[in-house]
Structure formats: structure tokens, C-alpha cells
Amino acid sequence: MQSAGVLFQFIYYASAGLAEEGMGAQPRLLLNTALVYMRENLHDFSVTELCRYLNVEERTLRNIFVRKLNTSPKKYFEYLRLEESKRYLETTALPVAAIAAQMGFSNSGHFSTAFRKEYGKTPKQYRMAFNDSTYLTK
């Protein structure tokens, strides 16, 4: 659950930063709405659908994300999927392949590669390390 707290802090401070930097109400609303939409649609998401939902051009949305979050909507969504995957690894006994499928990765190899790139460990290594650290703190 720690990752959810980190994500909440990130969204809160990103939103607060938008207000402080004088970003107009429309782009701020678009970004906040996009972040909520992404979180609520982790299992069935596309940037095209998000833009349709927001009634905004993909280029406009990308510019807002890059300007305020230093990443594209697609990369940010990938980060959200990986964070949710971490939560599954921490709280369930689901096989890595099942988590990969549930998070929308084309296969467990692609999932493992993306996970290792982001966190420096494979999903299996992460789960083992998490379980070991949890055991030691009890």
C-alpha cells in the first residue's frame, strides 16, 4: 500500500505545482481528469480513448503532460501499471504471468523487462525481497 501513498503524494504535489505556476484552469482540469481516468482504467486504457474522453487533441494532452510531469501520457500510464503490479506482487500470490495479463502486458516477458527497467529487479525478485523484508519486520 506504500506505493499508493507515493502515487497520491505525487499527484497532490503535481496538482499543487500546477496551481502555483499559474497554469490555466482548463489545462489543470484536463491533467487532473486525465490522471483520475488513467487510474480508473488501468486494465483497459489507450491514449486515444483518453483524448476522446477529454475531448482534446493528443498533441495538446502530451504537451501538458510533458510540461508539468516531464513525461508523456503513455509513459505515465506505464508507470501506473507497474506501480499497480508492485501492489499485486506485495499483496497476492498470483503468478507473475497472471499479473502481467491482468495489467494488460502482452506477455510475462515484456512485463518482466519493463518491471526490471523501472525497479532494477524482476517481478519474482521483487516479490521475494518484499516477502523477506516483511517477514523480518514482524
C-alpha atoms as a PDB file:
ATOM      1  CA  MET A   1       0.000   0.000   0.000  1.00  0.00           C
ATOM      2  CA  GLN A   2       3.023   2.260   0.307  1.00  0.00           C
ATOM      3  CA  SER A   3       3.067   2.739  -3.472  1.00  0.00           C
ATOM      4  CA  ALA A   4      -0.486   4.131  -3.343  1.00  0.00           C
ATOM      5  CA  GLY A   5       0.661   6.725  -0.836  1.00  0.00           C
ATOM      6  CA  VAL A   6       3.593   7.703  -3.018  1.00  0.00           C
ATOM      7  CA  LEU A   7       1.308   7.991  -6.021  1.00  0.00           C
ATOM      8  CA  PHE A   8      -1.160  10.130  -4.077  1.00  0.00           C
ATOM      9  CA  GLN A   9       1.653  12.423  -2.940  1.00  0.00           C
ATOM     10  CA  PHE A  10       2.950  12.698  -6.498  1.00  0.00           C
ATOM     11  CA  ILE A  11      -0.479  13.631  -7.858  1.00  0.00           C
ATOM     12  CA  TYR A  12      -1.114  16.058  -4.984  1.00  0.00           C
ATOM     13  CA  TYR A  13       2.196  17.873  -5.383  1.00  0.00           C
ATOM     14  CA  ALA A  14       1.935  17.852  -9.169  1.00  0.00           C
ATOM     15  CA  SER A  15      -1.519  19.408  -8.899  1.00  0.00           C
ATOM     16  CA  ALA A  16      -0.350  21.949  -6.334  1.00  0.00           C
ATOM     17  CA  GLY A  17       2.598  22.838  -8.546  1.00  0.00           C
ATOM     18  CA  LEU A  18       0.243  23.465 -11.439  1.00  0.00           C
ATOM     19  CA  ALA A  19      -1.711  25.996  -9.417  1.00  0.00           C
ATOM     20  CA  GLU A  20       1.432  27.740  -8.181  1.00  0.00           C
ATOM     21  CA  GLU A  21       2.943  28.017 -11.642  1.00  0.00           C
ATOM     22  CA  GLY A  22      -0.110  29.836 -12.927  1.00  0.00           C
ATOM     23  CA  MET A  23      -1.288  27.092 -15.252  1.00  0.00           C
ATOM     24  CA  GLY A  24      -4.718  27.974 -16.577  1.00  0.00           C
ATOM     25  CA  ALA A  25      -7.768  26.279 -15.165  1.00  0.00           C
ATOM     26  CA  GLN A  26      -8.501  24.342 -18.366  1.00  0.00           C
ATOM     27  CA  PRO A  27      -5.089  22.589 -18.658  1.00  0.00           C
ATOM     28  CA  ARG A  28      -5.045  21.915 -14.898  1.00  0.00           C
ATOM     29  CA  LEU A  29      -8.520  20.392 -15.085  1.00  0.00           C
ATOM     30  CA  LEU A  30      -7.506  18.315 -18.115  1.00  0.00           C
ATOM     31  CA  LEU A  31      -4.429  16.982 -16.353  1.00  0.00           C
ATOM     32  CA  ASN A  32      -6.251  16.159 -13.125  1.00  0.00           C
ATOM     33  CA  THR A  33      -9.089  14.496 -15.030  1.00  0.00           C
ATOM     34  CA  ALA A  34      -6.589  12.548 -17.135  1.00  0.00           C
ATOM     35  CA  LEU A  35      -4.777  11.276 -14.028  1.00  0.00           C
ATOM     36  CA  VAL A  36      -8.024  10.070 -12.458  1.00  0.00           C
ATOM     37  CA  TYR A  37      -9.160   8.469 -15.730  1.00  0.00           C
ATOM     38  CA  MET A  38      -5.855   6.628 -16.092  1.00  0.00           C
ATOM     39  CA  ARG A  39      -6.044   5.272 -12.555  1.00  0.00           C
ATOM     40  CA  GLU A  40      -9.631   4.120 -13.036  1.00  0.00           C
ATOM     41  CA  ASN A  41      -8.885   2.448 -16.383  1.00  0.00           C
ATOM     42  CA  LEU A  42      -5.677   0.553 -15.678  1.00  0.00           C
ATOM     43  CA  HIS A  43      -6.967  -2.608 -17.310  1.00  0.00           C
ATOM     44  CA  ASP A  44      -8.373  -1.037 -20.459  1.00  0.00           C
ATOM     45  CA  PHE A  45      -6.558   2.138 -21.456  1.00  0.00           C
ATOM     46  CA  SER A  46      -5.344   3.915 -24.565  1.00  0.00           C
ATOM     47  CA  VAL A  47      -4.180   7.472 -25.077  1.00  0.00           C
ATOM     48  CA  THR A  48      -6.605   7.744 -27.986  1.00  0.00           C
ATOM     49  CA  GLU A  49      -9.546   6.841 -25.742  1.00  0.00           C
ATOM     50  CA  LEU A  50      -8.332   9.229 -23.064  1.00  0.00           C
ATOM     51  CA  CYS A  51      -8.191  12.078 -25.596  1.00  0.00           C
ATOM     52  CA  ARG A  52     -11.660  11.181 -26.818  1.00  0.00           C
ATOM     53  CA  TYR A  53     -12.925  11.173 -23.223  1.00  0.00           C
ATOM     54  CA  LEU A  54     -11.330  14.569 -22.561  1.00  0.00           C
ATOM     55  CA  ASN A  55     -12.310  15.930 -25.976  1.00  0.00           C
ATOM     56  CA  VAL A  56      -8.758  17.127 -26.597  1.00  0.00           C
ATOM     57  CA  GLU A  57      -6.117  16.540 -29.263  1.00  0.00           C
ATOM     58  CA  GLU A  58      -3.422  14.011 -28.393  1.00  0.00           C
ATOM     59  CA  ARG A  59      -0.722  16.595 -29.063  1.00  0.00           C
ATOM     60  CA  THR A  60      -2.309  19.043 -26.602  1.00  0.00           C
ATOM     61  CA  LEU A  61      -2.522  16.409 -23.872  1.00  0.00           C
ATOM     62  CA  ARG A  62       1.058  15.314 -24.490  1.00  0.00           C
ATOM     63  CA  ASN A  63       2.259  18.922 -24.238  1.00  0.00           C
ATOM     64  CA  ILE A  64       0.502  19.365 -20.879  1.00  0.00           C
ATOM     65  CA  PHE A  65       1.981  16.134 -19.520  1.00  0.00           C
ATOM     66  CA  VAL A  66       5.485  16.915 -20.714  1.00  0.00           C
ATOM     67  CA  ARG A  67       5.346  20.486 -19.435  1.00  0.00           C
ATOM     68  CA  LYS A  68       4.035  19.594 -15.980  1.00  0.00           C
ATOM     69  CA  LEU A  69       5.052  15.982 -15.325  1.00  0.00           C
ATOM     70  CA  ASN A  70       8.120  15.698 -17.570  1.00  0.00           C
ATOM     71  CA  THR A  71       6.732  12.604 -19.248  1.00  0.00           C
ATOM     72  CA  SER A  72       4.205  11.600 -21.878  1.00  0.00           C
ATOM     73  CA  PRO A  73       0.744  10.216 -21.068  1.00  0.00           C
ATOM     74  CA  LYS A  74       1.818   6.812 -22.382  1.00  0.00           C
ATOM     75  CA  LYS A  75       4.925   6.664 -20.187  1.00  0.00           C
ATOM     76  CA  TYR A  76       2.996   7.889 -17.174  1.00  0.00           C
ATOM     77  CA  PHE A  77       0.387   5.195 -17.732  1.00  0.00           C
ATOM     78  CA  GLU A  78       3.148   2.583 -17.976  1.00  0.00           C
ATOM     79  CA  TYR A  79       4.407   3.805 -14.605  1.00  0.00           C
ATOM     80  CA  LEU A  80       0.901   3.468 -13.114  1.00  0.00           C
ATOM     81  CA  ARG A  81       0.605  -0.100 -14.413  1.00  0.00           C
ATOM     82  CA  LEU A  82       3.969  -1.007 -12.915  1.00  0.00           C
ATOM     83  CA  GLU A  83       3.042   0.543  -9.571  1.00  0.00           C
ATOM     84  CA  GLU A  84      -0.201  -1.435  -9.524  1.00  0.00           C
ATOM     85  CA  SER A  85       1.770  -4.554 -10.457  1.00  0.00           C
ATOM     86  CA  LYS A  86       4.017  -3.952  -7.449  1.00  0.00           C
ATOM     87  CA  ARG A  87       0.921  -3.851  -5.254  1.00  0.00           C
ATOM     88  CA  TYR A  88      -0.235  -7.189  -6.681  1.00  0.00           C
ATOM     89  CA  LEU A  89       3.203  -8.690  -6.080  1.00  0.00           C
ATOM     90  CA  GLU A  90       3.117  -7.452  -2.484  1.00  0.00           C
ATOM     91  CA  THR A  91      -0.430  -8.466  -1.606  1.00  0.00           C
ATOM     92  CA  THR A  92      -1.317 -11.537  -3.669  1.00  0.00           C
ATOM     93  CA  ALA A  93       0.120 -14.914  -4.556  1.00  0.00           C
ATOM     94  CA  LEU A  94      -0.898 -14.571  -8.216  1.00  0.00           C
ATOM     95  CA  PRO A  95       1.689 -15.894 -10.655  1.00  0.00           C
ATOM     96  CA  VAL A  96       3.731 -13.251 -12.466  1.00  0.00           C
ATOM     97  CA  ALA A  97       2.128 -14.280 -15.777  1.00  0.00           C
ATOM     98  CA  ALA A  98      -1.354 -13.701 -14.341  1.00  0.00           C
ATOM     99  CA  ILE A  99      -0.376 -10.256 -13.039  1.00  0.00           C
ATOM    100  CA  ALA A 100       1.127  -9.406 -16.425  1.00  0.00           C
ATOM    101  CA  ALA A 101      -2.082 -10.411 -18.189  1.00  0.00           C
ATOM    102  CA  GLN A 102      -4.270  -8.572 -15.692  1.00  0.00           C
ATOM    103  CA  MET A 103      -2.220  -5.382 -16.137  1.00  0.00           C
ATOM    104  CA  GLY A 104      -2.521  -5.582 -19.924  1.00  0.00           C
ATOM    105  CA  PHE A 105       1.027  -6.607 -20.824  1.00  0.00           C
ATOM    106  CA  SER A 106       1.247  -8.679 -23.994  1.00  0.00           C
ATOM    107  CA  ASN A 107       3.233 -11.401 -22.187  1.00  0.00           C
ATOM    108  CA  SER A 108       5.112 -12.019 -18.954  1.00  0.00           C
ATOM    109  CA  GLY A 109       8.487 -11.466 -20.654  1.00  0.00           C
ATOM    110  CA  HIS A 110       7.506  -7.950 -21.699  1.00  0.00           C
ATOM    111  CA  PHE A 111       6.186  -7.290 -18.199  1.00  0.00           C
ATOM    112  CA  SER A 112       9.368  -8.579 -16.556  1.00  0.00           C
ATOM    113  CA  THR A 113      11.560  -6.470 -18.829  1.00  0.00           C
ATOM    114  CA  ALA A 114       9.574  -3.286 -18.122  1.00  0.00           C
ATOM    115  CA  PHE A 115       9.496  -4.040 -14.383  1.00  0.00           C
ATOM    116  CA  ARG A 116      13.252  -4.673 -14.228  1.00  0.00           C
ATOM    117  CA  LYS A 117      13.943  -1.485 -16.175  1.00  0.00           C
ATOM    118  CA  GLU A 118      11.861   0.582 -13.721  1.00  0.00           C
ATOM    119  CA  TYR A 119      12.802  -1.075 -10.416  1.00  0.00           C
ATOM    120  CA  GLY A 120      16.086  -2.889 -11.030  1.00  0.00           C
ATOM    121  CA  LYS A 121      14.628  -6.309 -10.166  1.00  0.00           C
ATOM    122  CA  THR A 122      12.450  -8.833 -11.918  1.00  0.00           C
ATOM    123  CA  PRO A 123       8.922  -9.217 -10.523  1.00  0.00           C
ATOM    124  CA  LYS A 124       9.909 -12.518  -8.936  1.00  0.00           C
ATOM    125  CA  GLN A 125      12.983 -10.966  -7.283  1.00  0.00           C
ATOM    126  CA  TYR A 126      10.901  -8.039  -6.083  1.00  0.00           C
ATOM    127  CA  ARG A 127       8.281 -10.338  -4.536  1.00  0.00           C
ATOM    128  CA  MET A 128      10.921 -12.419  -2.805  1.00  0.00           C
ATOM    129  CA  ALA A 129      12.691  -9.318  -1.429  1.00  0.00           C
ATOM    130  CA  PHE A 130       9.381  -7.812  -0.298  1.00  0.00           C
ATOM    131  CA  ASN A 131       8.320 -11.029   1.424  1.00  0.00           C
ATOM    132  CA  ASP A 132      11.725 -11.334   3.116  1.00  0.00           C
ATOM    133  CA  SER A 133      11.621  -7.741   4.383  1.00  0.00           C
ATOM    134  CA  THR A 134       8.028  -8.177   5.592  1.00  0.00           C
ATOM    135  CA  TYR A 135       8.986 -11.356   7.421  1.00  0.00           C
ATOM    136  CA  LEU A 136      11.928  -9.610   9.099  1.00  0.00           C
ATOM    137  CA  THR A 137       9.781  -6.723  10.366  1.00  0.00           C
ATOM    138  CA  LYS A 138       7.184  -8.965  12.049  1.00  0.00           C
END
